[in-house]
Amino acid sequence: MIPMRGPDLPPVLGEAPLEGTADVGAQRVARAYADALYNAASDAGQTEAVMEEMHSLIHDVFRGHPQLETLIAGSAIGRNAKEALIRKAFEGRSSPLFLQFLLVLNRHDRLELLRPILSALHQIDDEKKNRVPVRISSAVPLADDQRDKLIAQLRQSLQADLKLDLRVDPDLLGGLIVRAGDYVYDHSVRAQLLAIRKELIERSSHEIQSRRDRFSSAV
């Protein structure tokens, strides 16, 4: 069960109503809830199971029954009705810890944060396991030796496990784009074309301004 109050928990998991959170961004609040859920699941030895439950809720249950997400995350019904709905839908079908977490979110009117909480859970799990999300986009599929060499270089540079996402994007025209965490390496024809376009625009603007200056001087 997720504890309701404790010195090590963020205030958003306390029994008292939330106060002073109007200016707190949704992502920050979602991260606080995700931290609490991840830590509780880790203490119970249920990290993978709870993450799978959250993933299944978003990508299976809500996808198959979008009206359920609308009712749970929306404001059409009140807390008591939502609690009854949650218990009917999840009691006996999910772990007690996950059910309790949903009830905590309902108690504080935060069920609309389920999707960003899932995103934050994945981020926390990557951080705990020293794993860096890496997306490699190329205009055409990379040859095996090119891919393996690039991955080896990234592993050596980042000193971390990689969470790979390989994509083919014909719009790149050529080259590739690598996104590793906050780092972006863009070596594509499209990027070069955009750089040339920017340079031409700047050059044209400079020439126009120069003509205006010459005209003003002549007058």
N, C-alpha and C. Protein backbone atom coordinates (compact mmCIF):
# COMPACT_ATOMS: atom_id res chain seq x y z
N MET A 1 0.85 -1.20 0.00
CA MET A 1 0.00 0.00 0.00
C MET A 1 0.89 1.25 0.00
N ILE A 2 0.46 2.30 -0.72
CA ILE A 2 1.21 3.54 -0.72
C ILE A 2 0.89 4.31 0.55
N PRO A 3 1.92 4.65 1.37
CA PRO A 3 1.65 5.40 2.59
C PRO A 3 1.03 6.75 2.29
N MET A 4 0.14 7.19 3.15
CA MET A 4 -0.60 8.42 2.93
C MET A 4 0.14 9.65 3.45
N ARG A 5 1.03 9.48 4.36
CA ARG A 5 1.71 10.64 4.94
C ARG A 5 3.04 10.17 5.49
N GLY A 6 4.05 10.97 5.32
CA GLY A 6 5.34 10.61 5.87
C GLY A 6 6.37 11.65 5.50
N PRO A 7 7.41 11.82 6.30
CA PRO A 7 8.38 12.88 6.05
C PRO A 7 9.13 12.72 4.75
N ASP A 8 9.19 11.50 4.21
CA ASP A 8 9.96 11.29 3.00
C ASP A 8 9.12 11.40 1.73
N LEU A 9 7.80 11.63 1.90
CA LEU A 9 6.93 11.70 0.74
C LEU A 9 6.68 13.15 0.36
N PRO A 10 6.49 13.44 -0.93
CA PRO A 10 6.13 14.80 -1.33
C PRO A 10 4.78 15.16 -0.77
N PRO A 11 4.52 16.45 -0.50
CA PRO A 11 3.26 16.85 0.11
C PRO A 11 2.05 16.46 -0.72
N VAL A 12 2.21 16.25 -2.03
CA VAL A 12 1.05 15.91 -2.85
C VAL A 12 0.45 14.58 -2.48
N LEU A 13 1.15 13.75 -1.69
CA LEU A 13 0.58 12.48 -1.28
C LEU A 13 0.04 12.52 0.14
N GLY A 14 -0.04 13.71 0.72
CA GLY A 14 -0.59 13.80 2.07
C GLY A 14 -2.10 13.67 2.07
N GLU A 15 -2.68 13.44 3.25
CA GLU A 15 -4.13 13.30 3.36
C GLU A 15 -4.82 14.65 3.18
N ALA A 16 -4.15 15.74 3.60
CA ALA A 16 -4.79 17.05 3.52
C ALA A 16 -4.92 17.48 2.07
N PRO A 17 -5.92 18.33 1.75
CA PRO A 17 -6.07 18.81 0.38
C PRO A 17 -4.82 19.55 -0.06
N LEU A 18 -4.57 19.53 -1.35
CA LEU A 18 -3.41 20.22 -1.88
C LEU A 18 -3.55 21.72 -1.67
N GLU A 19 -2.44 22.34 -1.29
CA GLU A 19 -2.43 23.79 -1.10
C GLU A 19 -1.22 24.36 -1.81
N GLY A 20 -1.39 25.52 -2.39
CA GLY A 20 -0.25 26.21 -2.98
C GLY A 20 0.33 25.53 -4.19
N THR A 21 -0.47 24.75 -4.93
CA THR A 21 0.07 24.06 -6.09
C THR A 21 -0.43 24.66 -7.41
N ALA A 22 -1.15 25.80 -7.32
CA ALA A 22 -1.74 26.37 -8.53
C ALA A 22 -0.68 26.74 -9.55
N ASP A 23 0.51 27.13 -9.09
CA ASP A 23 1.56 27.57 -10.00
C ASP A 23 2.53 26.45 -10.35
N VAL A 24 2.29 25.27 -9.85
CA VAL A 24 3.19 24.15 -10.12
C VAL A 24 2.79 23.51 -11.44
N GLY A 25 3.78 23.37 -12.37
CA GLY A 25 3.48 22.79 -13.67
C GLY A 25 3.04 21.35 -13.56
N ALA A 26 2.23 20.92 -14.53
CA ALA A 26 1.71 19.55 -14.52
C ALA A 26 2.84 18.53 -14.54
N GLN A 27 3.89 18.80 -15.28
CA GLN A 27 4.99 17.85 -15.36
C GLN A 27 5.70 17.69 -14.02
N ARG A 28 5.85 18.76 -13.31
CA ARG A 28 6.50 18.72 -12.00
C ARG A 28 5.66 17.92 -11.00
N VAL A 29 4.34 18.16 -11.02
CA VAL A 29 3.46 17.43 -10.12
C VAL A 29 3.43 15.96 -10.49
N ALA A 30 3.37 15.68 -11.80
CA ALA A 30 3.38 14.29 -12.26
C ALA A 30 4.65 13.59 -11.82
N ARG A 31 5.78 14.29 -11.87
CA ARG A 31 7.05 13.70 -11.45
C ARG A 31 7.02 13.36 -9.96
N ALA A 32 6.41 14.22 -9.15
CA ALA A 32 6.33 13.96 -7.71
C ALA A 32 5.51 12.71 -7.43
N TYR A 33 4.38 12.57 -8.11
CA TYR A 33 3.56 11.37 -7.93
C TYR A 33 4.30 10.13 -8.44
N ALA A 34 4.97 10.28 -9.58
CA ALA A 34 5.71 9.14 -10.15
C ALA A 34 6.83 8.70 -9.22
N ASP A 35 7.52 9.66 -8.61
CA ASP A 35 8.58 9.32 -7.65
C ASP A 35 8.01 8.52 -6.49
N ALA A 36 6.88 8.98 -5.95
CA ALA A 36 6.27 8.29 -4.82
C ALA A 36 5.84 6.88 -5.20
N LEU A 37 5.23 6.73 -6.37
CA LEU A 37 4.78 5.41 -6.81
C LEU A 37 5.97 4.49 -7.06
N TYR A 38 7.00 5.03 -7.72
CA TYR A 38 8.18 4.20 -8.03
C TYR A 38 8.86 3.73 -6.75
N ASN A 39 9.00 4.63 -5.78
CA ASN A 39 9.66 4.27 -4.52
C ASN A 39 8.84 3.24 -3.75
N ALA A 40 7.51 3.43 -3.72
CA ALA A 40 6.66 2.47 -3.02
C ALA A 40 6.71 1.10 -3.69
N ALA A 41 6.69 1.10 -5.02
CA ALA A 41 6.76 -0.16 -5.76
C ALA A 41 8.12 -0.83 -5.57
N SER A 42 9.19 -0.02 -5.54
CA SER A 42 10.53 -0.56 -5.32
C SER A 42 10.65 -1.20 -3.95
N ASP A 43 10.11 -0.53 -2.93
CA ASP A 43 10.15 -1.07 -1.57
C ASP A 43 9.39 -2.39 -1.47
N ALA A 44 8.34 -2.52 -2.28
CA ALA A 44 7.52 -3.73 -2.25
C ALA A 44 8.03 -4.79 -3.22
N GLY A 45 9.10 -4.46 -3.96
CA GLY A 45 9.62 -5.40 -4.94
C GLY A 45 8.68 -5.59 -6.12
N GLN A 46 7.92 -4.54 -6.46
CA GLN A 46 6.92 -4.65 -7.52
C GLN A 46 7.12 -3.60 -8.62
N THR A 47 8.34 -3.12 -8.79
CA THR A 47 8.57 -2.03 -9.74
C THR A 47 8.10 -2.36 -11.15
N GLU A 48 8.59 -3.48 -11.67
CA GLU A 48 8.25 -3.85 -13.04
C GLU A 48 6.75 -4.11 -13.18
N ALA A 49 6.16 -4.76 -12.19
CA ALA A 49 4.74 -5.10 -12.24
C ALA A 49 3.88 -3.84 -12.24
N VAL A 50 4.21 -2.88 -11.38
CA VAL A 50 3.42 -1.66 -11.28
C VAL A 50 3.57 -0.82 -12.55
N MET A 51 4.79 -0.75 -13.09
CA MET A 51 4.98 -0.01 -14.33
C MET A 51 4.19 -0.65 -15.47
N GLU A 52 4.14 -1.97 -15.47
CA GLU A 52 3.36 -2.66 -16.49
C GLU A 52 1.86 -2.38 -16.31
N GLU A 53 1.41 -2.30 -15.07
CA GLU A 53 0.00 -1.97 -14.82
C GLU A 53 -0.33 -0.57 -15.33
N MET A 54 0.56 0.38 -15.07
CA MET A 54 0.32 1.74 -15.55
C MET A 54 0.33 1.78 -17.07
N HIS A 55 1.28 1.09 -17.67
CA HIS A 55 1.37 1.05 -19.13
C HIS A 55 0.11 0.41 -19.73
N SER A 56 -0.32 -0.68 -19.13
CA SER A 56 -1.51 -1.37 -19.62
C SER A 56 -2.76 -0.50 -19.48
N LEU A 57 -2.86 0.25 -18.40
CA LEU A 57 -4.00 1.14 -18.20
C LEU A 57 -4.09 2.16 -19.32
N ILE A 58 -2.94 2.78 -19.64
CA ILE A 58 -2.94 3.85 -20.64
C ILE A 58 -3.08 3.29 -22.06
N HIS A 59 -2.31 2.25 -22.36
CA HIS A 59 -2.22 1.80 -23.75
C HIS A 59 -3.17 0.66 -24.11
N ASP A 60 -3.72 0.00 -23.12
CA ASP A 60 -4.66 -1.09 -23.41
C ASP A 60 -6.08 -0.72 -22.98
N VAL A 61 -6.24 -0.44 -21.70
CA VAL A 61 -7.59 -0.17 -21.17
C VAL A 61 -8.17 1.11 -21.76
N PHE A 62 -7.43 2.21 -21.68
CA PHE A 62 -7.96 3.47 -22.18
C PHE A 62 -8.13 3.45 -23.70
N ARG A 63 -7.23 2.74 -24.38
CA ARG A 63 -7.35 2.65 -25.84
C ARG A 63 -8.59 1.85 -26.23
N GLY A 64 -8.86 0.79 -25.49
CA GLY A 64 -10.03 -0.02 -25.79
C GLY A 64 -11.33 0.56 -25.27
N HIS A 65 -11.22 1.38 -24.21
CA HIS A 65 -12.42 1.98 -23.61
C HIS A 65 -12.18 3.47 -23.35
N PRO A 66 -12.13 4.27 -24.40
CA PRO A 66 -11.82 5.70 -24.22
C PRO A 66 -12.82 6.42 -23.33
N GLN A 67 -14.04 5.92 -23.26
CA GLN A 67 -15.03 6.56 -22.40
C GLN A 67 -14.65 6.44 -20.93
N LEU A 68 -13.92 5.38 -20.58
CA LEU A 68 -13.48 5.22 -19.20
C LEU A 68 -12.48 6.32 -18.83
N GLU A 69 -11.53 6.60 -19.73
CA GLU A 69 -10.58 7.67 -19.47
C GLU A 69 -11.29 9.02 -19.36
N THR A 70 -12.27 9.23 -20.22
CA THR A 70 -13.03 10.48 -20.19
C THR A 70 -13.71 10.67 -18.83
N LEU A 71 -14.31 9.60 -18.31
CA LEU A 71 -14.99 9.68 -17.02
C LEU A 71 -14.00 9.88 -15.87
N ILE A 72 -12.89 9.11 -15.92
CA ILE A 72 -11.92 9.15 -14.82
C ILE A 72 -11.17 10.48 -14.79
N ALA A 73 -10.71 10.92 -15.95
CA ALA A 73 -9.87 12.12 -15.99
C ALA A 73 -10.66 13.41 -16.10
N GLY A 74 -11.93 13.31 -16.47
CA GLY A 74 -12.73 14.52 -16.66
C GLY A 74 -13.42 14.98 -15.39
N SER A 75 -14.28 15.97 -15.56
CA SER A 75 -14.98 16.56 -14.41
C SER A 75 -16.49 16.32 -14.47
N ALA A 76 -16.91 15.38 -15.31
CA ALA A 76 -18.35 15.14 -15.47
C ALA A 76 -18.95 14.50 -14.22
N ILE A 77 -18.16 13.71 -13.49
CA ILE A 77 -18.66 13.08 -12.27
C ILE A 77 -17.73 13.44 -11.11
N GLY A 78 -18.24 13.33 -9.90
CA GLY A 78 -17.48 13.73 -8.72
C GLY A 78 -16.56 12.63 -8.20
N ARG A 79 -15.85 12.96 -7.13
CA ARG A 79 -14.85 12.05 -6.56
C ARG A 79 -15.48 10.73 -6.11
N ASN A 80 -16.62 10.81 -5.44
CA ASN A 80 -17.23 9.59 -4.91
C ASN A 80 -17.63 8.65 -6.05
N ALA A 81 -18.18 9.22 -7.10
CA ALA A 81 -18.57 8.40 -8.25
C ALA A 81 -17.34 7.81 -8.93
N LYS A 82 -16.27 8.62 -9.00
CA LYS A 82 -15.03 8.13 -9.61
C LYS A 82 -14.42 7.01 -8.77
N GLU A 83 -14.46 7.17 -7.45
CA GLU A 83 -13.91 6.12 -6.60
C GLU A 83 -14.66 4.81 -6.79
N ALA A 84 -15.98 4.91 -6.87
CA ALA A 84 -16.78 3.70 -7.08
C ALA A 84 -16.45 3.06 -8.43
N LEU A 85 -16.25 3.90 -9.44
CA LEU A 85 -15.90 3.41 -10.77
C LEU A 85 -14.53 2.74 -10.77
N ILE A 86 -13.56 3.37 -10.09
CA ILE A 86 -12.21 2.82 -10.01
C ILE A 86 -12.22 1.47 -9.29
N ARG A 87 -12.93 1.41 -8.19
CA ARG A 87 -12.97 0.15 -7.43
C ARG A 87 -13.64 -0.96 -8.26
N LYS A 88 -14.71 -0.60 -8.97
CA LYS A 88 -15.41 -1.60 -9.78
C LYS A 88 -14.52 -2.09 -10.93
N ALA A 89 -13.75 -1.17 -11.51
CA ALA A 89 -12.95 -1.53 -12.68
C ALA A 89 -11.64 -2.23 -12.31
N PHE A 90 -11.05 -1.89 -11.15
CA PHE A 90 -9.69 -2.35 -10.87
C PHE A 90 -9.55 -3.26 -9.64
N GLU A 91 -10.51 -3.21 -8.73
CA GLU A 91 -10.38 -4.05 -7.52
C GLU A 91 -10.41 -5.52 -7.90
N GLY A 92 -9.41 -6.27 -7.48
CA GLY A 92 -9.31 -7.67 -7.82
C GLY A 92 -8.66 -7.92 -9.16
N ARG A 93 -8.47 -6.86 -9.96
CA ARG A 93 -7.84 -7.00 -11.28
C ARG A 93 -6.46 -6.35 -11.33
N SER A 94 -6.14 -5.55 -10.33
CA SER A 94 -4.83 -4.91 -10.26
C SER A 94 -4.26 -5.12 -8.85
N SER A 95 -3.00 -4.79 -8.69
CA SER A 95 -2.38 -4.96 -7.38
C SER A 95 -2.98 -3.95 -6.40
N PRO A 96 -3.03 -4.28 -5.11
CA PRO A 96 -3.53 -3.33 -4.11
C PRO A 96 -2.77 -2.01 -4.14
N LEU A 97 -1.46 -2.07 -4.41
CA LEU A 97 -0.65 -0.86 -4.43
C LEU A 97 -1.11 0.06 -5.56
N PHE A 98 -1.32 -0.51 -6.74
CA PHE A 98 -1.72 0.31 -7.87
C PHE A 98 -3.13 0.86 -7.68
N LEU A 99 -4.03 0.05 -7.16
CA LEU A 99 -5.39 0.53 -6.88
C LEU A 99 -5.35 1.68 -5.89
N GLN A 100 -4.54 1.53 -4.85
CA GLN A 100 -4.45 2.58 -3.85
C GLN A 100 -3.90 3.87 -4.46
N PHE A 101 -2.97 3.74 -5.38
CA PHE A 101 -2.41 4.92 -6.03
C PHE A 101 -3.48 5.65 -6.84
N LEU A 102 -4.30 4.91 -7.55
CA LEU A 102 -5.39 5.53 -8.31
C LEU A 102 -6.35 6.26 -7.38
N LEU A 103 -6.62 5.68 -6.23
CA LEU A 103 -7.53 6.31 -5.27
C LEU A 103 -6.92 7.59 -4.69
N VAL A 104 -5.60 7.57 -4.48
CA VAL A 104 -4.91 8.78 -4.00
C VAL A 104 -5.03 9.89 -5.04
N LEU A 105 -4.79 9.55 -6.30
CA LEU A 105 -4.92 10.54 -7.37
C LEU A 105 -6.34 11.10 -7.41
N ASN A 106 -7.32 10.24 -7.26
CA ASN A 106 -8.71 10.69 -7.27
C ASN A 106 -9.00 11.61 -6.10
N ARG A 107 -8.46 11.27 -4.95
CA ARG A 107 -8.72 12.07 -3.75
C ARG A 107 -8.22 13.50 -3.92
N HIS A 108 -7.16 13.66 -4.72
CA HIS A 108 -6.60 14.99 -4.92
C HIS A 108 -6.88 15.55 -6.32
N ASP A 109 -7.85 14.96 -7.01
CA ASP A 109 -8.25 15.45 -8.33
C ASP A 109 -7.07 15.54 -9.29
N ARG A 110 -6.28 14.47 -9.34
CA ARG A 110 -5.10 14.46 -10.21
C ARG A 110 -5.13 13.31 -11.22
N LEU A 111 -6.28 12.75 -11.47
CA LEU A 111 -6.34 11.62 -12.38
C LEU A 111 -6.03 12.01 -13.82
N GLU A 112 -6.15 13.31 -14.13
CA GLU A 112 -5.81 13.75 -15.48
C GLU A 112 -4.30 13.67 -15.74
N LEU A 113 -3.52 13.41 -14.68
CA LEU A 113 -2.06 13.34 -14.83
C LEU A 113 -1.56 11.93 -15.12
N LEU A 114 -2.46 10.98 -15.34
CA LEU A 114 -2.03 9.59 -15.52
C LEU A 114 -1.01 9.44 -16.66
N ARG A 115 -1.25 10.09 -17.77
CA ARG A 115 -0.33 9.96 -18.91
C ARG A 115 1.04 10.58 -18.61
N PRO A 116 1.12 11.82 -18.12
CA PRO A 116 2.44 12.35 -17.77
C PRO A 116 3.11 11.59 -16.63
N ILE A 117 2.33 10.98 -15.74
CA ILE A 117 2.93 10.16 -14.69
C ILE A 117 3.60 8.94 -15.29
N LEU A 118 2.97 8.31 -16.28
CA LEU A 118 3.60 7.18 -16.95
C LEU A 118 4.90 7.60 -17.62
N SER A 119 4.90 8.73 -18.29
CA SER A 119 6.11 9.25 -18.92
C SER A 119 7.21 9.48 -17.88
N ALA A 120 6.83 10.05 -16.73
CA ALA A 120 7.80 10.30 -15.66
C ALA A 120 8.33 9.00 -15.07
N LEU A 121 7.47 7.99 -14.98
CA LEU A 121 7.91 6.69 -14.48
C LEU A 121 9.01 6.10 -15.36
N HIS A 122 8.83 6.19 -16.68
CA HIS A 122 9.85 5.69 -17.59
C HIS A 122 11.15 6.48 -17.43
N GLN A 123 11.03 7.78 -17.24
CA GLN A 123 12.22 8.61 -17.06
C GLN A 123 12.95 8.21 -15.77
N ILE A 124 12.21 8.01 -14.70
CA ILE A 124 12.81 7.61 -13.43
C ILE A 124 13.50 6.26 -13.56
N ASP A 125 12.82 5.32 -14.22
CA ASP A 125 13.39 3.99 -14.41
C ASP A 125 14.69 4.05 -15.22
N ASP A 126 14.72 4.89 -16.24
CA ASP A 126 15.94 5.07 -17.03
C ASP A 126 17.06 5.64 -16.17
N GLU A 127 16.73 6.62 -15.34
CA GLU A 127 17.74 7.23 -14.47
C GLU A 127 18.29 6.22 -13.48
N LYS A 128 17.42 5.44 -12.87
CA LYS A 128 17.84 4.45 -11.88
C LYS A 128 18.78 3.41 -12.51
N LYS A 129 18.52 3.08 -13.77
CA LYS A 129 19.28 2.02 -14.43
C LYS A 129 20.37 2.56 -15.34
N ASN A 130 20.68 3.86 -15.21
CA ASN A 130 21.72 4.50 -16.02
C ASN A 130 21.51 4.17 -17.50
N ARG A 131 20.30 4.43 -17.95
CA ARG A 131 19.92 4.12 -19.33
C ARG A 131 19.49 5.42 -20.02
N VAL A 132 20.07 5.68 -21.19
CA VAL A 132 19.80 6.91 -21.90
C VAL A 132 18.94 6.63 -23.13
N PRO A 133 17.79 7.28 -23.25
CA PRO A 133 16.98 7.12 -24.46
C PRO A 133 17.71 7.72 -25.66
N VAL A 134 17.86 6.95 -26.71
CA VAL A 134 18.54 7.42 -27.91
C VAL A 134 17.66 7.14 -29.12
N ARG A 135 17.35 8.19 -29.86
CA ARG A 135 16.59 8.03 -31.11
C ARG A 135 17.50 8.34 -32.29
N ILE A 136 17.62 7.39 -33.19
CA ILE A 136 18.43 7.56 -34.39
C ILE A 136 17.51 7.58 -35.59
N SER A 137 17.42 8.73 -36.25
CA SER A 137 16.58 8.87 -37.43
C SER A 137 17.48 9.02 -38.66
N SER A 138 17.24 8.22 -39.67
CA SER A 138 18.04 8.27 -40.90
C SER A 138 17.12 8.29 -42.11
N ALA A 139 17.63 8.83 -43.20
CA ALA A 139 16.82 8.94 -44.41
C ALA A 139 16.53 7.57 -44.99
N VAL A 140 17.48 6.65 -44.86
CA VAL A 140 17.32 5.26 -45.31
C VAL A 140 17.79 4.36 -44.18
N PRO A 141 17.37 3.10 -44.16
CA PRO A 141 17.84 2.20 -43.09
C PRO A 141 19.35 2.10 -43.07
N LEU A 142 19.93 2.16 -41.90
CA LEU A 142 21.39 2.05 -41.76
C LEU A 142 21.83 0.62 -42.02
N ALA A 143 22.98 0.49 -42.64
CA ALA A 143 23.57 -0.84 -42.80
C ALA A 143 23.97 -1.36 -41.43
N ASP A 144 24.01 -2.66 -41.27
CA ASP A 144 24.30 -3.26 -39.97
C ASP A 144 25.61 -2.75 -39.39
N ASP A 145 26.66 -2.66 -40.22
CA ASP A 145 27.95 -2.22 -39.71
C ASP A 145 27.92 -0.74 -39.31
N GLN A 146 27.17 0.09 -40.06
CA GLN A 146 27.04 1.50 -39.71
C GLN A 146 26.31 1.65 -38.38
N ARG A 147 25.22 0.89 -38.25
CA ARG A 147 24.43 0.96 -37.02
C ARG A 147 25.25 0.52 -35.82
N ASP A 148 25.94 -0.61 -35.95
CA ASP A 148 26.71 -1.15 -34.83
C ASP A 148 27.84 -0.20 -34.43
N LYS A 149 28.49 0.40 -35.43
CA LYS A 149 29.59 1.33 -35.13
C LYS A 149 29.06 2.57 -34.41
N LEU A 150 27.93 3.08 -34.89
CA LEU A 150 27.34 4.26 -34.28
C LEU A 150 26.92 3.98 -32.84
N ILE A 151 26.28 2.83 -32.61
CA ILE A 151 25.84 2.47 -31.26
C ILE A 151 27.03 2.30 -30.33
N ALA A 152 28.09 1.68 -30.82
CA ALA A 152 29.29 1.50 -29.99
C ALA A 152 29.89 2.85 -29.61
N GLN A 153 29.92 3.79 -30.57
CA GLN A 153 30.45 5.12 -30.28
C GLN A 153 29.60 5.85 -29.25
N LEU A 154 28.29 5.70 -29.38
CA LEU A 154 27.39 6.36 -28.43
C LEU A 154 27.55 5.78 -27.03
N ARG A 155 27.65 4.45 -26.93
CA ARG A 155 27.83 3.82 -25.62
C ARG A 155 29.12 4.31 -24.97
N GLN A 156 30.18 4.39 -25.75
CA GLN A 156 31.47 4.84 -25.21
C GLN A 156 31.40 6.29 -24.78
N SER A 157 30.72 7.10 -25.56
CA SER A 157 30.64 8.52 -25.26
C SER A 157 29.75 8.80 -24.05
N LEU A 158 28.62 8.12 -23.98
CA LEU A 158 27.65 8.38 -22.91
C LEU A 158 27.92 7.60 -21.64
N GLN A 159 28.71 6.52 -21.75
CA GLN A 159 29.00 5.67 -20.60
C GLN A 159 27.71 5.23 -19.92
N ALA A 160 26.79 4.73 -20.74
CA ALA A 160 25.49 4.30 -20.21
C ALA A 160 24.89 3.28 -21.16
N ASP A 161 23.91 2.54 -20.64
CA ASP A 161 23.14 1.66 -21.52
C ASP A 161 22.24 2.53 -22.40
N LEU A 162 21.94 2.04 -23.58
CA LEU A 162 21.13 2.82 -24.51
C LEU A 162 19.74 2.23 -24.65
N LYS A 163 18.75 3.10 -24.65
CA LYS A 163 17.37 2.71 -24.93
C LYS A 163 17.08 3.16 -26.36
N LEU A 164 17.30 2.25 -27.29
CA LEU A 164 17.35 2.61 -28.70
C LEU A 164 15.97 2.71 -29.35
N ASP A 165 15.86 3.71 -30.21
CA ASP A 165 14.67 3.89 -31.03
C ASP A 165 15.17 4.25 -32.44
N LEU A 166 15.17 3.27 -33.34
CA LEU A 166 15.67 3.47 -34.70
C LEU A 166 14.50 3.79 -35.63
N ARG A 167 14.63 4.89 -36.39
CA ARG A 167 13.55 5.31 -37.26
C ARG A 167 14.08 5.68 -38.65
N VAL A 168 13.24 5.46 -39.64
CA VAL A 168 13.56 5.89 -41.00
C VAL A 168 12.66 7.07 -41.33
N ASP A 169 13.30 8.20 -41.70
CA ASP A 169 12.56 9.42 -42.00
C ASP A 169 13.00 9.95 -43.37
N PRO A 170 12.26 9.61 -44.43
CA PRO A 170 12.65 10.04 -45.78
C PRO A 170 12.76 11.55 -45.93
N ASP A 171 12.08 12.31 -45.08
CA ASP A 171 12.12 13.76 -45.17
C ASP A 171 13.52 14.32 -44.90
N LEU A 172 14.37 13.51 -44.29
CA LEU A 172 15.74 13.96 -44.01
C LEU A 172 16.54 14.11 -45.29
N LEU A 173 16.14 13.42 -46.35
CA LEU A 173 16.80 13.45 -47.66
C LEU A 173 18.14 12.73 -47.64
N GLY A 174 18.86 12.79 -46.57
CA GLY A 174 20.16 12.12 -46.45
C GLY A 174 20.71 12.39 -45.06
N GLY A 175 21.73 11.63 -44.66
CA GLY A 175 22.31 11.82 -43.34
C GLY A 175 21.45 11.23 -42.25
N LEU A 176 21.66 11.73 -41.03
CA LEU A 176 20.90 11.21 -39.89
C LEU A 176 20.85 12.21 -38.76
N ILE A 177 19.91 11.99 -37.86
CA ILE A 177 19.78 12.81 -36.65
C ILE A 177 19.83 11.86 -35.46
N VAL A 178 20.66 12.18 -34.47
CA VAL A 178 20.78 11.38 -33.25
C VAL A 178 20.34 12.25 -32.07
N ARG A 179 19.35 11.77 -31.35
CA ARG A 179 18.92 12.44 -30.12
C ARG A 179 19.24 11.52 -28.95
N ALA A 180 20.13 11.97 -28.08
CA ALA A 180 20.52 11.19 -26.91
C ALA A 180 20.28 12.05 -25.68
N GLY A 181 19.17 11.79 -24.99
CA GLY A 181 18.83 12.64 -23.85
C GLY A 181 18.56 14.05 -24.35
N ASP A 182 19.31 15.03 -23.81
CA ASP A 182 19.15 16.43 -24.21
C ASP A 182 20.06 16.79 -25.37
N TYR A 183 20.85 15.84 -25.85
CA TYR A 183 21.84 16.12 -26.88
C TYR A 183 21.26 15.76 -28.25
N VAL A 184 21.43 16.66 -29.22
CA VAL A 184 20.95 16.42 -30.58
C VAL A 184 22.10 16.64 -31.56
N TYR A 185 22.36 15.62 -32.38
CA TYR A 185 23.36 15.72 -33.43
C TYR A 185 22.64 15.58 -34.76
N ASP A 186 22.60 16.66 -35.52
CA ASP A 186 21.87 16.69 -36.79
C ASP A 186 22.87 16.81 -37.94
N HIS A 187 23.03 15.75 -38.70
CA HIS A 187 23.93 15.76 -39.85
C HIS A 187 23.14 15.23 -41.06
N SER A 188 22.08 15.96 -41.38
CA SER A 188 21.22 15.54 -42.47
C SER A 188 21.24 16.57 -43.59
N VAL A 189 20.88 16.14 -44.78
CA VAL A 189 20.79 17.07 -45.91
C VAL A 189 19.76 18.14 -45.63
N ARG A 190 18.66 17.74 -44.98
CA ARG A 190 17.62 18.72 -44.67
C ARG A 190 18.18 19.82 -43.78
N ALA A 191 18.98 19.44 -42.79
CA ALA A 191 19.57 20.44 -41.90
C ALA A 191 20.49 21.36 -42.68
N GLN A 192 21.26 20.80 -43.63
CA GLN A 192 22.15 21.61 -44.44
C GLN A 192 21.36 22.57 -45.33
N LEU A 193 20.25 22.08 -45.91
CA LEU A 193 19.42 22.93 -46.75
C LEU A 193 18.81 24.07 -45.95
N LEU A 194 18.37 23.76 -44.73
CA LEU A 194 17.79 24.80 -43.88
C LEU A 194 18.85 25.84 -43.51
N ALA A 195 20.08 25.37 -43.27
CA ALA A 195 21.16 26.29 -42.95
C ALA A 195 21.46 27.20 -44.14
N ILE A 196 21.48 26.62 -45.35
CA ILE A 196 21.72 27.42 -46.56
C ILE A 196 20.60 28.43 -46.76
N ARG A 197 19.35 27.96 -46.55
CA ARG A 197 18.20 28.85 -46.70
C ARG A 197 18.29 30.03 -45.73
N LYS A 198 18.67 29.72 -44.48
CA LYS A 198 18.82 30.77 -43.49
C LYS A 198 19.88 31.76 -43.90
N GLU A 199 21.00 31.24 -44.42
CA GLU A 199 22.09 32.10 -44.85
C GLU A 199 21.65 33.00 -46.00
N LEU A 200 20.89 32.44 -46.97
CA LEU A 200 20.42 33.22 -48.11
C LEU A 200 19.46 34.32 -47.67
N ILE A 201 18.57 33.98 -46.70
CA ILE A 201 17.62 34.97 -46.19
C ILE A 201 18.37 36.11 -45.50
N GLU A 202 19.37 35.73 -44.68
CA GLU A 202 20.14 36.75 -43.97
C GLU A 202 20.92 37.63 -44.95
N ARG A 203 21.47 37.00 -46.00
CA ARG A 203 22.22 37.75 -47.00
C ARG A 203 21.31 38.70 -47.76
N SER A 204 20.11 38.22 -48.12
CA SER A 204 19.15 39.07 -48.83
C SER A 204 18.72 40.25 -47.97
N SER A 205 18.48 39.97 -46.69
CA SER A 205 18.07 41.04 -45.77
C SER A 205 19.17 42.08 -45.64
N HIS A 206 20.43 41.61 -45.63
CA HIS A 206 21.56 42.52 -45.51
C HIS A 206 21.67 43.40 -46.75
N GLU A 207 21.47 42.80 -47.94
CA GLU A 207 21.56 43.56 -49.19
C GLU A 207 20.45 44.59 -49.28
N ILE A 208 19.25 44.22 -48.86
CA ILE A 208 18.13 45.16 -48.88
C ILE A 208 18.40 46.33 -47.96
N GLN A 209 18.92 46.04 -46.77
CA GLN A 209 19.23 47.10 -45.82
C GLN A 209 20.33 48.01 -46.35
N SER A 210 21.32 47.41 -47.03
CA SER A 210 22.42 48.21 -47.60
C SER A 210 21.88 49.17 -48.65
N ARG A 211 20.95 48.70 -49.49
CA ARG A 211 20.36 49.55 -50.52
C ARG A 211 19.58 50.70 -49.90
N ARG A 212 18.87 50.40 -48.82
CA ARG A 212 18.12 51.45 -48.13
C ARG A 212 19.06 52.51 -47.57
N ASP A 213 20.18 52.03 -47.01
CA ASP A 213 21.15 52.96 -46.44
C ASP A 213 21.75 53.85 -47.53
N ARG A 214 22.07 53.24 -48.69
CA ARG A 214 22.64 54.02 -49.79
C ARG A 214 21.63 55.03 -50.31
N PHE A 215 20.36 54.62 -50.39
CA PHE A 215 19.32 55.52 -50.87
C PHE A 215 19.13 56.70 -49.90
N SER A 216 19.17 56.38 -48.60
CA SER A 216 19.00 57.44 -47.59
C SER A 216 20.14 58.45 -47.67
N SER A 217 21.35 57.91 -47.90
CA SER A 217 22.53 58.78 -47.99
C SER A 217 22.45 59.68 -49.22
N ALA A 218 21.93 59.12 -50.31
CA ALA A 218 21.84 59.89 -51.55
C ALA A 218 20.82 60.99 -51.41
N VAL A 219 19.74 60.72 -50.68
CA VAL A 219 18.72 61.74 -50.49
C VAL A 219 19.23 62.83 -49.56
